[in-house]
Amino acid sequence: MAISDSVPAPNFIHHIIDEDLKINKNDGRVITRFPPEPNGYLHIGHAKSICLNFGLAADYHGFCNLRFDDTNPSKEEVEYVDSILADVRWVGFDWGDRLFFASDYFEPLYQYALHLIMTGKAYVCDLSPEQVREYRGTLTEPGIDSPFRNRPVAENLDLFKRMRAGEFPDGSRTLRAKIDMASPNLNMRDPVLYRIKHESHHRTGDAWCIYPMYDYAHPLSDALEGITHSICTMEYEDHRVLYDWALDHCPVPCHPQQIEFARLNLSYTVMSKRKLLQLVNEAHVAGWDDPRMPTLAGMRRRGYTPEAIRTFCERIGVGKRENLVDLALLEFCVREDLNYRAPRVMGVLRPLKVVLLNYPEGEVEELEAVNNPEDLSQGTRMVPFSRELYIEAEDFMEDPPKKFYRLAPGREVRLRYAYFIKCETVVKDPVTGEVVELHCTYDPATRGGYAPDGRRVKATLHWVSAARAVTAEVRLYDRLFTQAVPGEEHGGDFKADLNPASLTVLSSCRLEPSLAGALPGSFYQFERQGYFCADVKDSALGAPVFNRTVTLKDPWAKLQQAQKK
């Protein structure tokens, strides 16, 4: 089934919005937002949220804001902001003039905090972070009121203003909501609204030394932007009551509706920013854009297309129940997209030299090859053929087993777009005994790969001309982890399941000469080998470096066929 033929999965959020529109809620407006925190690179899980929020806005002719929830300067960097902007554009969405930052609202958020203090809904607390946790209670035991909970309003106002003025050290005081220390929902047990951090902010500099907590800043930022439907993942379901509390007790212009959906869990992958940062900092990968990473930057570098990622997000659907999505489905979407778009070329990854004894020395002929059999409008190209060639080392066996149909002594095979060849003798390294060269003959009557006498061969091999081949580095990527749920069998230690064979670098590959001009980021199907992308960082004209995007094998399609049986 082609990607364009896939049927969108059901989306329960559409039903909610449809009902809202029936009663003209929000005056018929639909405004969503994608609210990343600039504390790391976006990953495939964020792509699901991007597609959902921007997609809902498009479906209902509304708007989607891109808002950075930048309320924690100790973990945020401009590098992350820039990468997120690039990733959202790459996935295929445009926020127009609707780019915002939570830091844009630091002053109104501060004023809302003053309002909460003056209405008796917030107080300054001198408990240390450890004491706050101790007083909070447990799931079965209620919390204990802070000894500072009943401070007079005037004292709270004075202390909070002095907090802003920078009079107190980090961790010495917080502003807390006054709600219910006996609430069964721990999020409602006087949560912290502001903490002291004498750290420079990437946008506001040193203007502030108190910063709002996410659960306080997020709902108020939504309201200030006129968001109608605040879409978030299921881990915020227990926070919804706090979301509504903040909106109910502050004089905000509107009250957005929080709706939760199940986050994306992908097999053989971790998608915690903390864990991904650990992989980067401990050099288990070569940065956030390492092609083995589930980051959008890594997937872009590996050769995944935004069209395939959008199709994947559409196919997995939006629901409430957590489940583990097979990584093979994502690879299937990538493979299906590239199948119709990627030009075919020939590349030999582990070369073995073949000398055609009866081919004229010094002669080179050009043979016509199809660029893409799935799209004949891509035309054809000419590939050089000569006396000395390279084939894959694995396509030859000196003593083959019964079902090995490729080249062997005395056996005839077809060279793609070229001729039938027959192996006559084998040349070995006198020291190691390794096969280093094959002496073969070719049948000039089989030009184009077909025998006029009707004889057949059981194998067709790819090849390149030794004289004209481009030498290139090729990187073969495998899954970063060996287990579907990394760390599950090691007490949560996900690094115990790192795959030591996740990257194989081949430095002496031989590619057909057309690939000397491969532009960084361009993709191809190496026949019989998989889909490859010219690396956007390390590849250059005349010196290409290719990353394998996905193999030609399709475990997802095989699984689907097995289920149908």
Protein backbone atom coordinates (compact mmCIF):
# COMPACT_ATOMS: atom_id res chain seq x y z
CA MET A 1 0.00 0.00 0.00
CA ALA A 2 1.42 3.39 -0.96
CA ILE A 3 1.69 6.05 1.68
CA SER A 4 -0.93 8.21 -0.05
CA ASP A 5 -3.41 5.33 0.27
CA SER A 6 -3.10 5.02 4.06
CA VAL A 7 -6.24 5.69 6.07
CA PRO A 8 -5.96 8.24 8.91
CA ALA A 9 -6.33 6.69 12.34
CA PRO A 10 -9.23 7.90 14.51
CA ASN A 11 -8.66 10.98 16.64
CA PHE A 12 -10.89 11.43 19.70
CA ILE A 13 -9.90 15.09 19.99
CA HIS A 14 -11.75 15.82 16.76
CA HIS A 15 -14.94 14.62 18.47
CA ILE A 16 -14.36 16.99 21.41
CA ILE A 17 -13.80 19.98 19.13
CA ASP A 18 -16.78 19.05 16.96
CA GLU A 19 -19.01 19.14 20.04
CA ASP A 20 -17.52 22.49 21.09
CA LEU A 21 -18.26 23.96 17.68
CA LYS A 22 -21.86 22.74 17.82
CA ILE A 23 -22.51 24.95 20.86
CA ASN A 24 -20.32 27.79 19.54
CA LYS A 25 -17.89 27.43 22.42
CA ASN A 26 -15.01 29.92 22.16
CA ASP A 27 -17.09 31.73 19.51
CA GLY A 28 -16.20 28.97 17.09
CA ARG A 29 -12.45 29.56 17.37
CA VAL A 30 -9.85 26.79 17.51
CA ILE A 31 -6.42 27.88 18.71
CA THR A 32 -3.83 25.31 19.75
CA ARG A 33 -0.17 25.57 20.65
CA PHE A 34 2.99 23.49 20.50
CA PRO A 35 4.88 24.35 23.72
CA PRO A 36 8.39 22.84 23.79
CA GLU A 37 10.83 23.52 26.59
CA PRO A 38 14.21 24.64 25.13
CA ASN A 39 16.19 22.16 27.24
CA GLY A 40 17.09 19.66 24.51
CA TYR A 41 16.47 18.69 20.92
CA LEU A 42 13.05 17.55 19.71
CA HIS A 43 12.53 13.82 19.11
CA ILE A 44 10.02 11.66 17.27
CA GLY A 45 7.61 11.89 20.22
CA HIS A 46 7.51 15.66 19.77
CA ALA A 47 6.74 15.12 16.09
CA LYS A 48 3.48 13.47 17.13
CA SER A 49 2.57 16.56 19.15
CA ILE A 50 3.66 18.91 16.36
CA CYS A 51 1.51 17.10 13.81
CA LEU A 52 -1.42 16.94 16.21
CA ASN A 53 -1.45 20.59 17.27
CA PHE A 54 -0.70 22.12 13.89
CA GLY A 55 -2.94 19.53 12.22
CA LEU A 56 -5.94 20.35 14.43
CA ALA A 57 -5.52 24.05 13.73
CA ALA A 58 -5.43 23.36 9.99
CA ASP A 59 -8.42 20.99 10.14
CA TYR A 60 -10.57 23.66 11.78
CA HIS A 61 -9.15 26.72 9.97
CA GLY A 62 -7.69 27.97 13.22
CA PHE A 63 -4.22 28.86 14.46
CA CYS A 64 -1.39 27.06 16.20
CA ASN A 65 1.12 28.99 18.28
CA LEU A 66 4.71 27.93 18.72
CA ARG A 67 5.54 28.86 22.31
CA PHE A 68 8.74 28.11 24.16
CA ASP A 69 8.09 27.34 27.82
CA ASP A 70 11.38 28.86 28.90
CA THR A 71 10.96 29.16 32.67
CA ASN A 72 14.05 27.23 33.83
CA PRO A 73 17.23 29.10 32.83
CA SER A 74 19.55 26.48 34.33
CA LYS A 75 18.66 23.97 31.60
CA GLU A 76 17.82 26.16 28.60
CA GLU A 77 20.07 27.24 25.75
CA VAL A 78 19.75 29.29 22.58
CA GLU A 79 21.10 26.26 20.69
CA TYR A 80 17.97 24.35 21.67
CA VAL A 81 15.69 27.21 20.60
CA ASP A 82 17.33 27.34 17.17
CA SER A 83 17.17 23.58 16.74
CA ILE A 84 13.48 23.49 17.63
CA LEU A 85 12.63 26.23 15.14
CA ALA A 86 14.50 24.31 12.43
CA ASP A 87 12.83 21.01 13.34
CA VAL A 88 9.27 22.33 13.29
CA ARG A 89 9.88 23.89 9.88
CA TRP A 90 11.47 20.67 8.62
CA VAL A 91 8.53 18.53 9.73
CA GLY A 92 6.44 20.80 7.52
CA PHE A 93 4.69 23.39 9.65
CA ASP A 94 4.78 27.19 9.82
CA TRP A 95 3.73 29.28 12.80
CA GLY A 96 3.68 32.53 10.82
CA ASP A 97 3.71 35.47 13.22
CA ARG A 98 2.62 33.34 16.17
CA LEU A 99 5.99 32.72 17.84
CA PHE A 100 5.90 33.28 21.61
CA PHE A 101 7.94 32.65 24.74
CA ALA A 102 6.72 32.14 28.28
CA SER A 103 9.40 34.67 29.21
CA ASP A 104 7.33 37.23 27.27
CA TYR A 105 4.85 36.93 30.14
CA PHE A 106 7.14 37.15 33.15
CA GLU A 107 5.68 40.50 34.19
CA PRO A 108 1.98 39.54 33.89
CA LEU A 109 2.75 36.20 35.59
CA TYR A 110 4.30 38.15 38.44
CA GLN A 111 1.24 40.38 38.65
CA TYR A 112 -1.03 37.32 38.75
CA ALA A 113 1.09 36.01 41.63
CA LEU A 114 0.54 39.28 43.51
CA HIS A 115 -3.19 38.85 42.91
CA LEU A 116 -3.09 35.36 44.41
CA ILE A 117 -1.27 36.68 47.47
CA MET A 118 -3.72 39.54 47.94
CA THR A 119 -6.69 37.18 47.68
CA GLY A 120 -5.20 34.81 50.22
CA LYS A 121 -4.47 32.09 47.66
CA ALA A 122 -0.65 32.13 47.87
CA TYR A 123 2.01 32.60 50.53
CA VAL A 124 5.78 32.83 50.87
CA CYS A 125 7.24 29.70 52.45
CA ASP A 126 10.66 29.44 54.14
CA LEU A 127 10.82 25.64 54.12
CA SER A 128 13.79 24.11 52.29
CA PRO A 129 13.09 21.92 49.23
CA GLU A 130 13.75 18.85 51.39
CA GLN A 131 11.30 20.05 54.03
CA VAL A 132 8.65 20.80 51.40
CA ARG A 133 8.90 17.19 50.21
CA GLU A 134 8.77 15.92 53.80
CA TYR A 135 5.69 18.00 54.64
CA ARG A 136 3.95 16.98 51.43
CA GLY A 137 2.82 13.58 52.71
CA THR A 138 2.29 10.42 50.68
CA LEU A 139 -0.39 8.82 48.56
CA THR A 140 -1.93 7.34 51.71
CA GLU A 141 -1.11 10.06 54.26
CA PRO A 142 -2.13 13.74 54.09
CA GLY A 143 0.45 16.48 54.06
CA ILE A 144 1.28 18.85 56.92
CA ASP A 145 0.66 22.59 56.73
CA SER A 146 3.76 24.72 56.41
CA PRO A 147 4.40 26.80 59.54
CA PHE A 148 4.44 29.81 57.21
CA ARG A 149 1.08 29.03 55.59
CA ASN A 150 -0.87 31.66 57.55
CA ARG A 151 1.46 34.59 57.16
CA PRO A 152 -0.42 37.88 56.82
CA VAL A 153 -1.04 39.10 53.29
CA ALA A 154 1.06 42.19 53.83
CA GLU A 155 4.06 40.13 54.96
CA ASN A 156 3.70 37.79 51.99
CA LEU A 157 3.56 40.74 49.60
CA ASP A 158 6.67 42.29 51.16
CA LEU A 159 8.64 39.04 51.09
CA PHE A 160 7.64 38.21 47.51
CA LYS A 161 8.66 41.67 46.28
CA ARG A 162 11.97 41.27 48.08
CA MET A 163 12.38 37.86 46.46
CA ARG A 164 12.06 39.58 43.10
CA ALA A 165 14.53 42.26 44.20
CA GLY A 166 17.14 39.57 44.80
CA GLU A 167 17.48 39.89 48.58
CA PHE A 168 17.39 36.16 49.30
CA PRO A 169 19.63 33.27 48.20
CA ASP A 170 18.55 30.37 46.01
CA GLY A 171 16.37 27.80 47.76
CA SER A 172 15.71 29.97 50.81
CA ARG A 173 12.11 30.84 49.97
CA THR A 174 9.35 29.91 47.52
CA LEU A 175 5.92 31.18 46.68
CA ARG A 176 3.33 28.45 47.18
CA ALA A 177 -0.34 28.17 46.32
CA LYS A 178 -2.63 27.81 49.32
CA ILE A 179 -4.95 24.96 48.31
CA ASP A 180 -5.33 21.76 50.37
CA MET A 181 -2.58 19.81 52.10
CA ALA A 182 -4.98 16.89 52.56
CA SER A 183 -5.95 16.65 48.90
CA PRO A 184 -5.80 13.11 47.46
CA ASN A 185 -4.08 14.69 44.47
CA LEU A 186 -0.52 15.47 45.55
CA ASN A 187 -0.29 18.21 42.90
CA MET A 188 -2.83 20.23 44.93
CA ARG A 189 -0.91 20.13 48.22
CA ASP A 190 0.22 23.75 48.16
CA PRO A 191 2.39 23.44 45.03
CA VAL A 192 5.32 25.79 44.52
CA LEU A 193 4.53 28.62 42.09
CA TYR A 194 7.86 30.52 42.14
CA ARG A 195 11.41 29.66 43.14
CA ILE A 196 14.54 31.79 43.50
CA LYS A 197 17.22 31.26 40.84
CA HIS A 198 20.02 33.78 40.50
CA GLU A 199 20.76 32.68 36.95
CA SER A 200 20.87 34.57 33.69
CA HIS A 201 18.04 33.81 31.28
CA HIS A 202 18.72 33.35 27.56
CA ARG A 203 16.20 36.09 26.69
CA THR A 204 15.69 38.26 29.77
CA GLY A 205 19.28 38.23 30.98
CA ASP A 206 19.55 39.17 34.67
CA ALA A 207 16.25 41.04 34.83
CA TRP A 208 14.71 38.28 36.98
CA CYS A 209 15.96 36.12 39.81
CA ILE A 210 12.62 34.44 40.50
CA TYR A 211 11.13 32.11 37.93
CA PRO A 212 7.63 30.60 37.68
CA MET A 213 7.11 26.85 37.83
CA TYR A 214 5.80 25.09 34.74
CA ASP A 215 2.42 24.15 36.26
CA TYR A 216 1.81 27.81 37.07
CA ALA A 217 3.22 29.47 33.96
CA HIS A 218 1.73 27.07 31.42
CA PRO A 219 -2.02 27.58 32.00
CA LEU A 220 -1.65 31.35 32.37
CA SER A 221 0.44 31.56 29.18
CA ASP A 222 -2.28 29.58 27.39
CA ALA A 223 -4.89 32.03 28.64
CA LEU A 224 -2.87 35.10 27.68
CA GLU A 225 -2.60 33.73 24.13
CA GLY A 226 -6.28 32.85 23.85
CA ILE A 227 -5.65 29.14 23.45
CA THR A 228 -8.91 27.21 23.21
CA HIS A 229 -7.67 23.61 23.38
CA SER A 230 -4.49 22.91 25.33
CA ILE A 231 -3.32 19.49 24.14
CA CYS A 232 -0.83 17.65 26.33
CA THR A 233 0.26 14.10 27.10
CA MET A 234 -1.29 11.79 29.69
CA GLU A 235 1.31 12.43 32.40
CA TYR A 236 -0.35 15.83 32.87
CA GLU A 237 -3.80 14.37 33.51
CA ASP A 238 -3.32 14.61 37.30
CA HIS A 239 -2.11 18.20 36.81
CA ARG A 240 -5.32 19.28 35.07
CA VAL A 241 -7.00 20.22 38.33
CA LEU A 242 -4.06 22.54 39.10
CA TYR A 243 -4.22 23.91 35.55
CA ASP A 244 -7.87 24.80 36.13
CA TRP A 245 -7.20 26.14 39.64
CA ALA A 246 -4.68 28.68 38.35
CA LEU A 247 -7.09 29.87 35.66
CA ASP A 248 -10.04 30.01 38.08
CA HIS A 249 -8.19 32.14 40.65
CA CYS A 250 -6.46 34.62 38.35
CA PRO A 251 -8.18 37.37 36.30
CA VAL A 252 -7.30 35.81 32.95
CA PRO A 253 -9.00 36.69 29.64
CA CYS A 254 -10.17 33.13 28.92
CA HIS A 255 -10.15 29.59 30.27
CA PRO A 256 -8.54 27.08 27.87
CA GLN A 257 -9.52 23.42 28.03
CA GLN A 258 -6.75 20.91 28.76
CA ILE A 259 -7.05 17.62 26.83
CA GLU A 260 -4.63 14.73 27.33
CA PHE A 261 -3.53 12.09 24.85
CA ALA A 262 -1.16 9.14 25.05
CA ARG A 263 2.47 9.98 24.37
CA LEU A 264 4.45 8.04 21.79
CA ASN A 265 6.43 5.09 23.12
CA LEU A 266 8.67 3.56 20.45
CA SER A 267 10.42 0.21 20.71
CA TYR A 268 14.23 0.05 20.87
CA THR A 269 14.23 3.75 21.76
CA VAL A 270 14.41 6.09 24.74
CA MET A 271 12.67 9.45 24.50
CA SER A 272 13.38 11.05 27.83
CA LYS A 273 15.37 14.24 27.28
CA ARG A 274 17.28 13.45 30.43
CA LYS A 275 18.33 10.07 29.06
CA LEU A 276 19.12 11.47 25.63
CA LEU A 277 21.26 14.20 27.21
CA GLN A 278 23.06 11.49 29.17
CA LEU A 279 23.83 9.62 25.94
CA VAL A 280 25.27 12.83 24.47
CA ASN A 281 27.26 13.94 27.52
CA GLU A 282 28.75 10.48 28.08
CA ALA A 283 29.70 10.19 24.37
CA HIS A 284 27.64 7.07 23.70
CA VAL A 285 26.57 8.95 20.57
CA ALA A 286 28.20 11.74 18.57
CA GLY A 287 25.83 14.53 19.57
CA TRP A 288 22.12 15.28 19.46
CA ASP A 289 22.08 14.85 15.68
CA ASP A 290 23.76 11.45 15.68
CA PRO A 291 21.79 9.40 13.11
CA ARG A 292 21.16 6.72 15.72
CA MET A 293 19.29 9.18 17.96
CA PRO A 294 15.48 9.47 17.88
CA THR A 295 15.84 13.25 17.61
CA LEU A 296 14.41 14.92 14.54
CA ALA A 297 17.88 16.32 13.83
CA GLY A 298 19.31 12.79 13.95
CA MET A 299 16.56 11.38 11.74
CA ARG A 300 17.01 14.21 9.24
CA ARG A 301 20.73 13.48 9.07
CA ARG A 302 20.09 9.77 8.68
CA GLY A 303 17.82 10.41 5.70
CA TYR A 304 14.31 10.14 7.12
CA THR A 305 11.90 12.39 5.25
CA PRO A 306 9.38 14.75 6.87
CA GLU A 307 6.67 13.20 4.69
CA ALA A 308 7.39 9.77 6.15
CA ILE A 309 7.34 11.11 9.71
CA ARG A 310 4.01 12.86 9.15
CA THR A 311 2.58 9.65 7.68
CA PHE A 312 3.87 7.68 10.66
CA CYS A 313 2.21 10.10 13.10
CA GLU A 314 -1.03 9.81 11.15
CA ARG A 315 -0.94 6.01 11.13
CA ILE A 316 -0.35 5.58 14.87
CA GLY A 317 -3.33 7.79 15.66
CA VAL A 318 -4.24 9.68 18.83
CA GLY A 319 -5.70 7.88 21.82
CA LYS A 320 -5.77 7.77 25.60
CA ARG A 321 -4.18 4.37 26.14
CA GLU A 322 -0.42 4.00 26.41
CA ASN A 323 1.13 1.42 24.09
CA LEU A 324 4.46 0.54 22.56
CA VAL A 325 4.70 1.28 18.84
CA ASP A 326 7.02 -0.98 16.85
CA LEU A 327 10.00 0.87 15.41
CA ALA A 328 9.49 -1.24 12.29
CA LEU A 329 6.36 0.80 11.50
CA LEU A 330 8.37 4.01 11.37
CA GLU A 331 10.96 2.31 9.16
CA PHE A 332 8.14 1.04 6.95
CA CYS A 333 6.85 4.59 6.43
CA VAL A 334 10.35 5.81 5.57
CA ARG A 335 10.92 2.90 3.18
CA GLU A 336 7.58 3.39 1.44
CA ASP A 337 8.22 7.10 0.91
CA LEU A 338 11.75 6.64 -0.40
CA ASN A 339 10.69 3.79 -2.67
CA TYR A 340 8.85 6.24 -4.90
CA ARG A 341 11.33 9.09 -4.61
CA ALA A 342 14.86 7.72 -4.32
CA PRO A 343 16.90 7.23 -7.51
CA ARG A 344 18.49 3.80 -7.86
CA VAL A 345 22.26 3.55 -8.01
CA MET A 346 24.85 0.82 -7.59
CA GLY A 347 27.26 0.81 -4.70
CA VAL A 348 29.58 -1.95 -3.54
CA LEU A 349 30.12 -1.76 0.21
CA ARG A 350 32.67 -4.56 0.68
CA PRO A 351 34.40 -4.75 -2.70
CA LEU A 352 35.87 -7.84 -4.33
CA LYS A 353 37.68 -7.28 -7.63
CA VAL A 354 36.55 -9.12 -10.76
CA VAL A 355 38.73 -9.21 -13.89
CA LEU A 356 36.97 -10.15 -17.16
CA LEU A 357 39.68 -12.05 -19.01
CA ASN A 358 38.03 -11.81 -22.44
CA TYR A 359 36.98 -8.15 -22.22
CA PRO A 360 39.21 -5.76 -24.22
CA GLU A 361 41.79 -3.97 -22.09
CA GLY A 362 41.32 -0.18 -21.92
CA GLU A 363 37.80 -0.31 -23.32
CA VAL A 364 34.91 1.36 -21.48
CA GLU A 365 31.30 1.21 -22.62
CA GLU A 366 28.29 3.04 -21.29
CA LEU A 367 25.26 0.96 -20.31
CA GLU A 368 21.78 2.36 -19.72
CA ALA A 369 20.27 1.94 -16.25
CA VAL A 370 16.79 2.82 -14.98
CA ASN A 371 16.74 5.51 -12.31
CA ASN A 372 13.56 4.35 -10.58
CA PRO A 373 11.32 1.52 -11.78
CA GLU A 374 8.52 2.87 -9.53
CA ASP A 375 8.61 6.21 -11.37
CA LEU A 376 9.77 5.92 -14.95
CA SER A 377 9.54 9.70 -15.37
CA GLN A 378 12.84 9.87 -13.49
CA GLY A 379 14.43 8.56 -16.69
CA THR A 380 17.67 6.64 -17.13
CA ARG A 381 21.39 7.16 -16.64
CA MET A 382 24.53 5.73 -18.18
CA VAL A 383 26.94 3.65 -16.10
CA PRO A 384 30.46 2.72 -17.26
CA PHE A 385 31.44 -0.92 -17.77
CA SER A 386 35.05 -2.07 -18.10
CA ARG A 387 37.39 -5.05 -17.85
CA GLU A 388 37.91 -4.66 -14.09
CA LEU A 389 34.88 -4.45 -11.83
CA TYR A 390 33.93 -4.66 -8.19
CA ILE A 391 31.19 -6.87 -6.77
CA GLU A 392 30.15 -7.48 -3.18
CA ALA A 393 32.46 -9.90 -1.41
CA GLU A 394 29.42 -11.67 0.04
CA ASP A 395 28.15 -12.37 -3.50
CA PHE A 396 30.91 -14.97 -3.99
CA MET A 397 31.53 -18.26 -2.20
CA GLU A 398 34.24 -20.70 -3.18
CA ASP A 399 32.38 -23.66 -1.71
CA PRO A 400 28.73 -22.58 -1.68
CA PRO A 401 25.92 -24.34 0.20
CA LYS A 402 22.99 -25.79 -1.69
CA LYS A 403 20.77 -22.66 -1.78
CA PHE A 404 23.49 -20.14 -2.53
CA TYR A 405 22.75 -18.97 -6.08
CA ARG A 406 25.26 -16.18 -6.49
CA LEU A 407 28.75 -16.37 -7.97
CA ALA A 408 30.91 -19.44 -7.40
CA PRO A 409 33.64 -21.26 -9.37
CA GLY A 410 32.21 -22.44 -12.71
CA ARG A 411 28.90 -20.68 -12.12
CA GLU A 412 27.26 -18.03 -14.31
CA VAL A 413 25.36 -14.97 -12.99
CA ARG A 414 23.91 -11.77 -14.44
CA LEU A 415 25.42 -8.35 -13.80
CA ARG A 416 22.65 -5.77 -13.50
CA TYR A 417 22.10 -3.90 -16.82
CA ALA A 418 25.27 -5.54 -18.21
CA TYR A 419 26.23 -9.12 -19.15
CA PHE A 420 26.32 -12.69 -17.96
CA ILE A 421 29.68 -13.54 -16.41
CA LYS A 422 31.19 -16.87 -15.39
CA CYS A 423 33.80 -17.42 -12.67
CA GLU A 424 36.85 -19.25 -14.06
CA THR A 425 39.55 -18.98 -11.38
CA VAL A 426 40.03 -17.62 -7.88
CA VAL A 427 43.06 -15.60 -6.72
CA LYS A 428 43.93 -15.80 -3.03
CA ASP A 429 46.30 -14.02 -0.70
CA PRO A 430 49.25 -16.44 -0.33
CA VAL A 431 49.59 -15.67 3.38
CA THR A 432 46.04 -15.51 4.64
CA GLY A 433 44.26 -17.58 2.01
CA GLU A 434 41.67 -14.83 1.62
CA VAL A 435 40.00 -14.49 -1.78
CA VAL A 436 41.25 -11.19 -3.24
CA GLU A 437 40.31 -11.41 -6.91
CA LEU A 438 38.14 -13.37 -9.31
CA HIS A 439 39.00 -14.10 -12.92
CA CYS A 440 35.87 -14.40 -15.00
CA THR A 441 34.69 -14.35 -18.58
CA TYR A 442 31.72 -12.49 -19.98
CA ASP A 443 29.30 -13.38 -22.76
CA PRO A 444 29.15 -10.40 -25.18
CA ALA A 445 25.86 -11.74 -26.60
CA THR A 446 24.09 -11.06 -23.30
CA ARG A 447 24.39 -7.26 -23.35
CA GLY A 448 21.61 -5.77 -21.26
CA GLY A 449 21.50 -8.87 -19.10
CA TYR A 450 19.54 -11.25 -21.33
CA ALA A 451 20.72 -14.33 -23.23
CA PRO A 452 19.47 -14.66 -26.83
CA ASP A 453 19.49 -18.44 -26.51
CA GLY A 454 17.02 -18.22 -23.64
CA ARG A 455 19.27 -19.64 -20.93
CA ARG A 456 18.60 -18.39 -17.44
CA VAL A 457 20.64 -17.63 -14.35
CA LYS A 458 19.44 -17.58 -10.76
CA ALA A 459 21.15 -14.42 -9.52
CA THR A 460 21.59 -10.81 -10.57
CA LEU A 461 24.44 -8.90 -8.92
CA HIS A 462 25.17 -5.20 -8.67
CA TRP A 463 28.65 -3.97 -9.57
CA VAL A 464 30.73 -0.90 -10.40
CA SER A 465 33.57 -0.26 -12.81
CA ALA A 466 36.90 -0.33 -10.97
CA ALA A 467 38.39 2.36 -13.20
CA ARG A 468 35.53 4.83 -12.77
CA ALA A 469 34.29 4.04 -9.25
CA VAL A 470 34.12 6.65 -6.51
CA THR A 471 35.70 5.65 -3.22
CA ALA A 472 33.49 6.64 -0.30
CA GLU A 473 32.83 6.12 3.38
CA VAL A 474 29.52 4.45 4.21
CA ARG A 475 28.04 4.25 7.68
CA LEU A 476 25.70 1.38 8.45
CA TYR A 477 23.35 2.08 11.34
CA ASP A 478 21.46 -0.43 13.43
CA ARG A 479 19.13 0.09 16.38
CA LEU A 480 20.76 1.96 19.25
CA PHE A 481 19.44 -0.56 21.78
CA THR A 482 19.23 -4.34 21.72
CA GLN A 483 15.97 -4.57 23.68
CA ALA A 484 12.51 -3.31 22.76
CA VAL A 485 12.22 -1.58 26.16
CA PRO A 486 15.74 -0.45 27.11
CA GLY A 487 16.55 -1.08 30.75
CA GLU A 488 13.48 -3.20 31.47
CA GLU A 489 15.57 -6.23 32.43
CA HIS A 490 18.28 -4.21 34.19
CA GLY A 491 16.36 -2.31 36.85
CA GLY A 492 15.90 0.72 34.63
CA ASP A 493 19.54 0.93 33.53
CA PHE A 494 18.83 1.69 29.87
CA LYS A 495 22.52 1.99 29.01
CA ALA A 496 22.97 -1.72 29.80
CA ASP A 497 21.07 -2.43 26.57
CA LEU A 498 23.12 -0.19 24.27
CA ASN A 499 23.89 -1.98 21.02
CA PRO A 500 27.68 -2.23 20.48
CA ALA A 501 27.03 -2.87 16.78
CA SER A 502 24.77 0.16 16.26
CA LEU A 503 27.35 1.74 13.93
CA THR A 504 29.62 0.10 11.36
CA VAL A 505 31.90 2.36 9.30
CA LEU A 506 33.08 1.11 5.91
CA SER A 507 35.83 3.33 4.53
CA SER A 508 36.63 1.72 1.16
CA CYS A 509 33.28 1.39 -0.55
CA ARG A 510 33.07 1.73 -4.32
CA LEU A 511 30.17 3.65 -5.82
CA GLU A 512 29.14 4.37 -9.38
CA PRO A 513 30.66 7.68 -10.62
CA SER A 514 27.39 9.65 -10.62
CA LEU A 515 27.55 9.74 -6.82
CA ALA A 516 30.67 11.91 -6.83
CA GLY A 517 28.26 14.81 -7.30
CA ALA A 518 25.80 13.78 -4.59
CA LEU A 519 24.65 16.84 -2.67
CA PRO A 520 24.59 16.64 1.14
CA GLY A 521 21.14 15.51 2.19
CA SER A 522 20.34 13.78 -1.11
CA PHE A 523 19.01 10.24 -0.89
CA TYR A 524 19.34 7.13 -3.04
CA GLN A 525 18.56 3.48 -3.07
CA PHE A 526 21.75 1.47 -3.36
CA GLU A 527 20.41 -1.55 -5.23
CA ARG A 528 20.16 -4.64 -3.00
CA GLN A 529 21.64 -2.67 -0.07
CA GLY A 530 19.05 -0.22 1.20
CA TYR A 531 18.33 3.50 1.21
CA PHE A 532 21.19 5.90 1.82
CA CYS A 533 21.59 9.62 2.42
CA ALA A 534 24.63 11.81 1.80
CA ASP A 535 25.59 13.06 5.25
CA VAL A 536 24.73 16.75 5.70
CA LYS A 537 27.77 17.42 7.91
CA ASP A 538 30.59 15.25 6.60
CA SER A 539 29.78 14.71 2.93
CA ALA A 540 31.23 16.96 0.20
CA LEU A 541 31.23 17.03 -3.59
CA GLY A 542 33.81 14.52 -4.80
CA ALA A 543 34.19 13.05 -1.31
CA PRO A 544 30.79 11.65 -0.37
CA VAL A 545 29.92 10.10 2.97
CA PHE A 546 26.70 8.10 3.05
CA ASN A 547 24.49 7.06 5.95
CA ARG A 548 22.24 4.05 5.54
CA THR A 549 18.72 5.24 6.28
CA VAL A 550 16.91 1.89 6.26
CA THR A 551 17.54 -1.51 4.79
CA LEU A 552 15.43 -3.01 2.01
CA LYS A 553 14.15 -5.71 4.36
CA ASP A 554 10.74 -4.87 5.73
CA PRO A 555 9.92 -6.63 9.03
CA TRP A 556 6.73 -4.59 9.43
CA ALA A 557 5.30 -5.74 6.09
CA LYS A 558 6.16 -9.35 6.95
CA LEU A 559 4.41 -8.98 10.30
CA GLN A 560 1.31 -7.56 8.64
CA GLN A 561 1.23 -10.42 6.15
CA ALA A 562 1.62 -12.98 8.95
CA GLN A 563 -1.27 -11.43 10.86
CA LYS A 564 -3.51 -11.59 7.78
CA LYS A 565 -2.82 -15.32 7.45
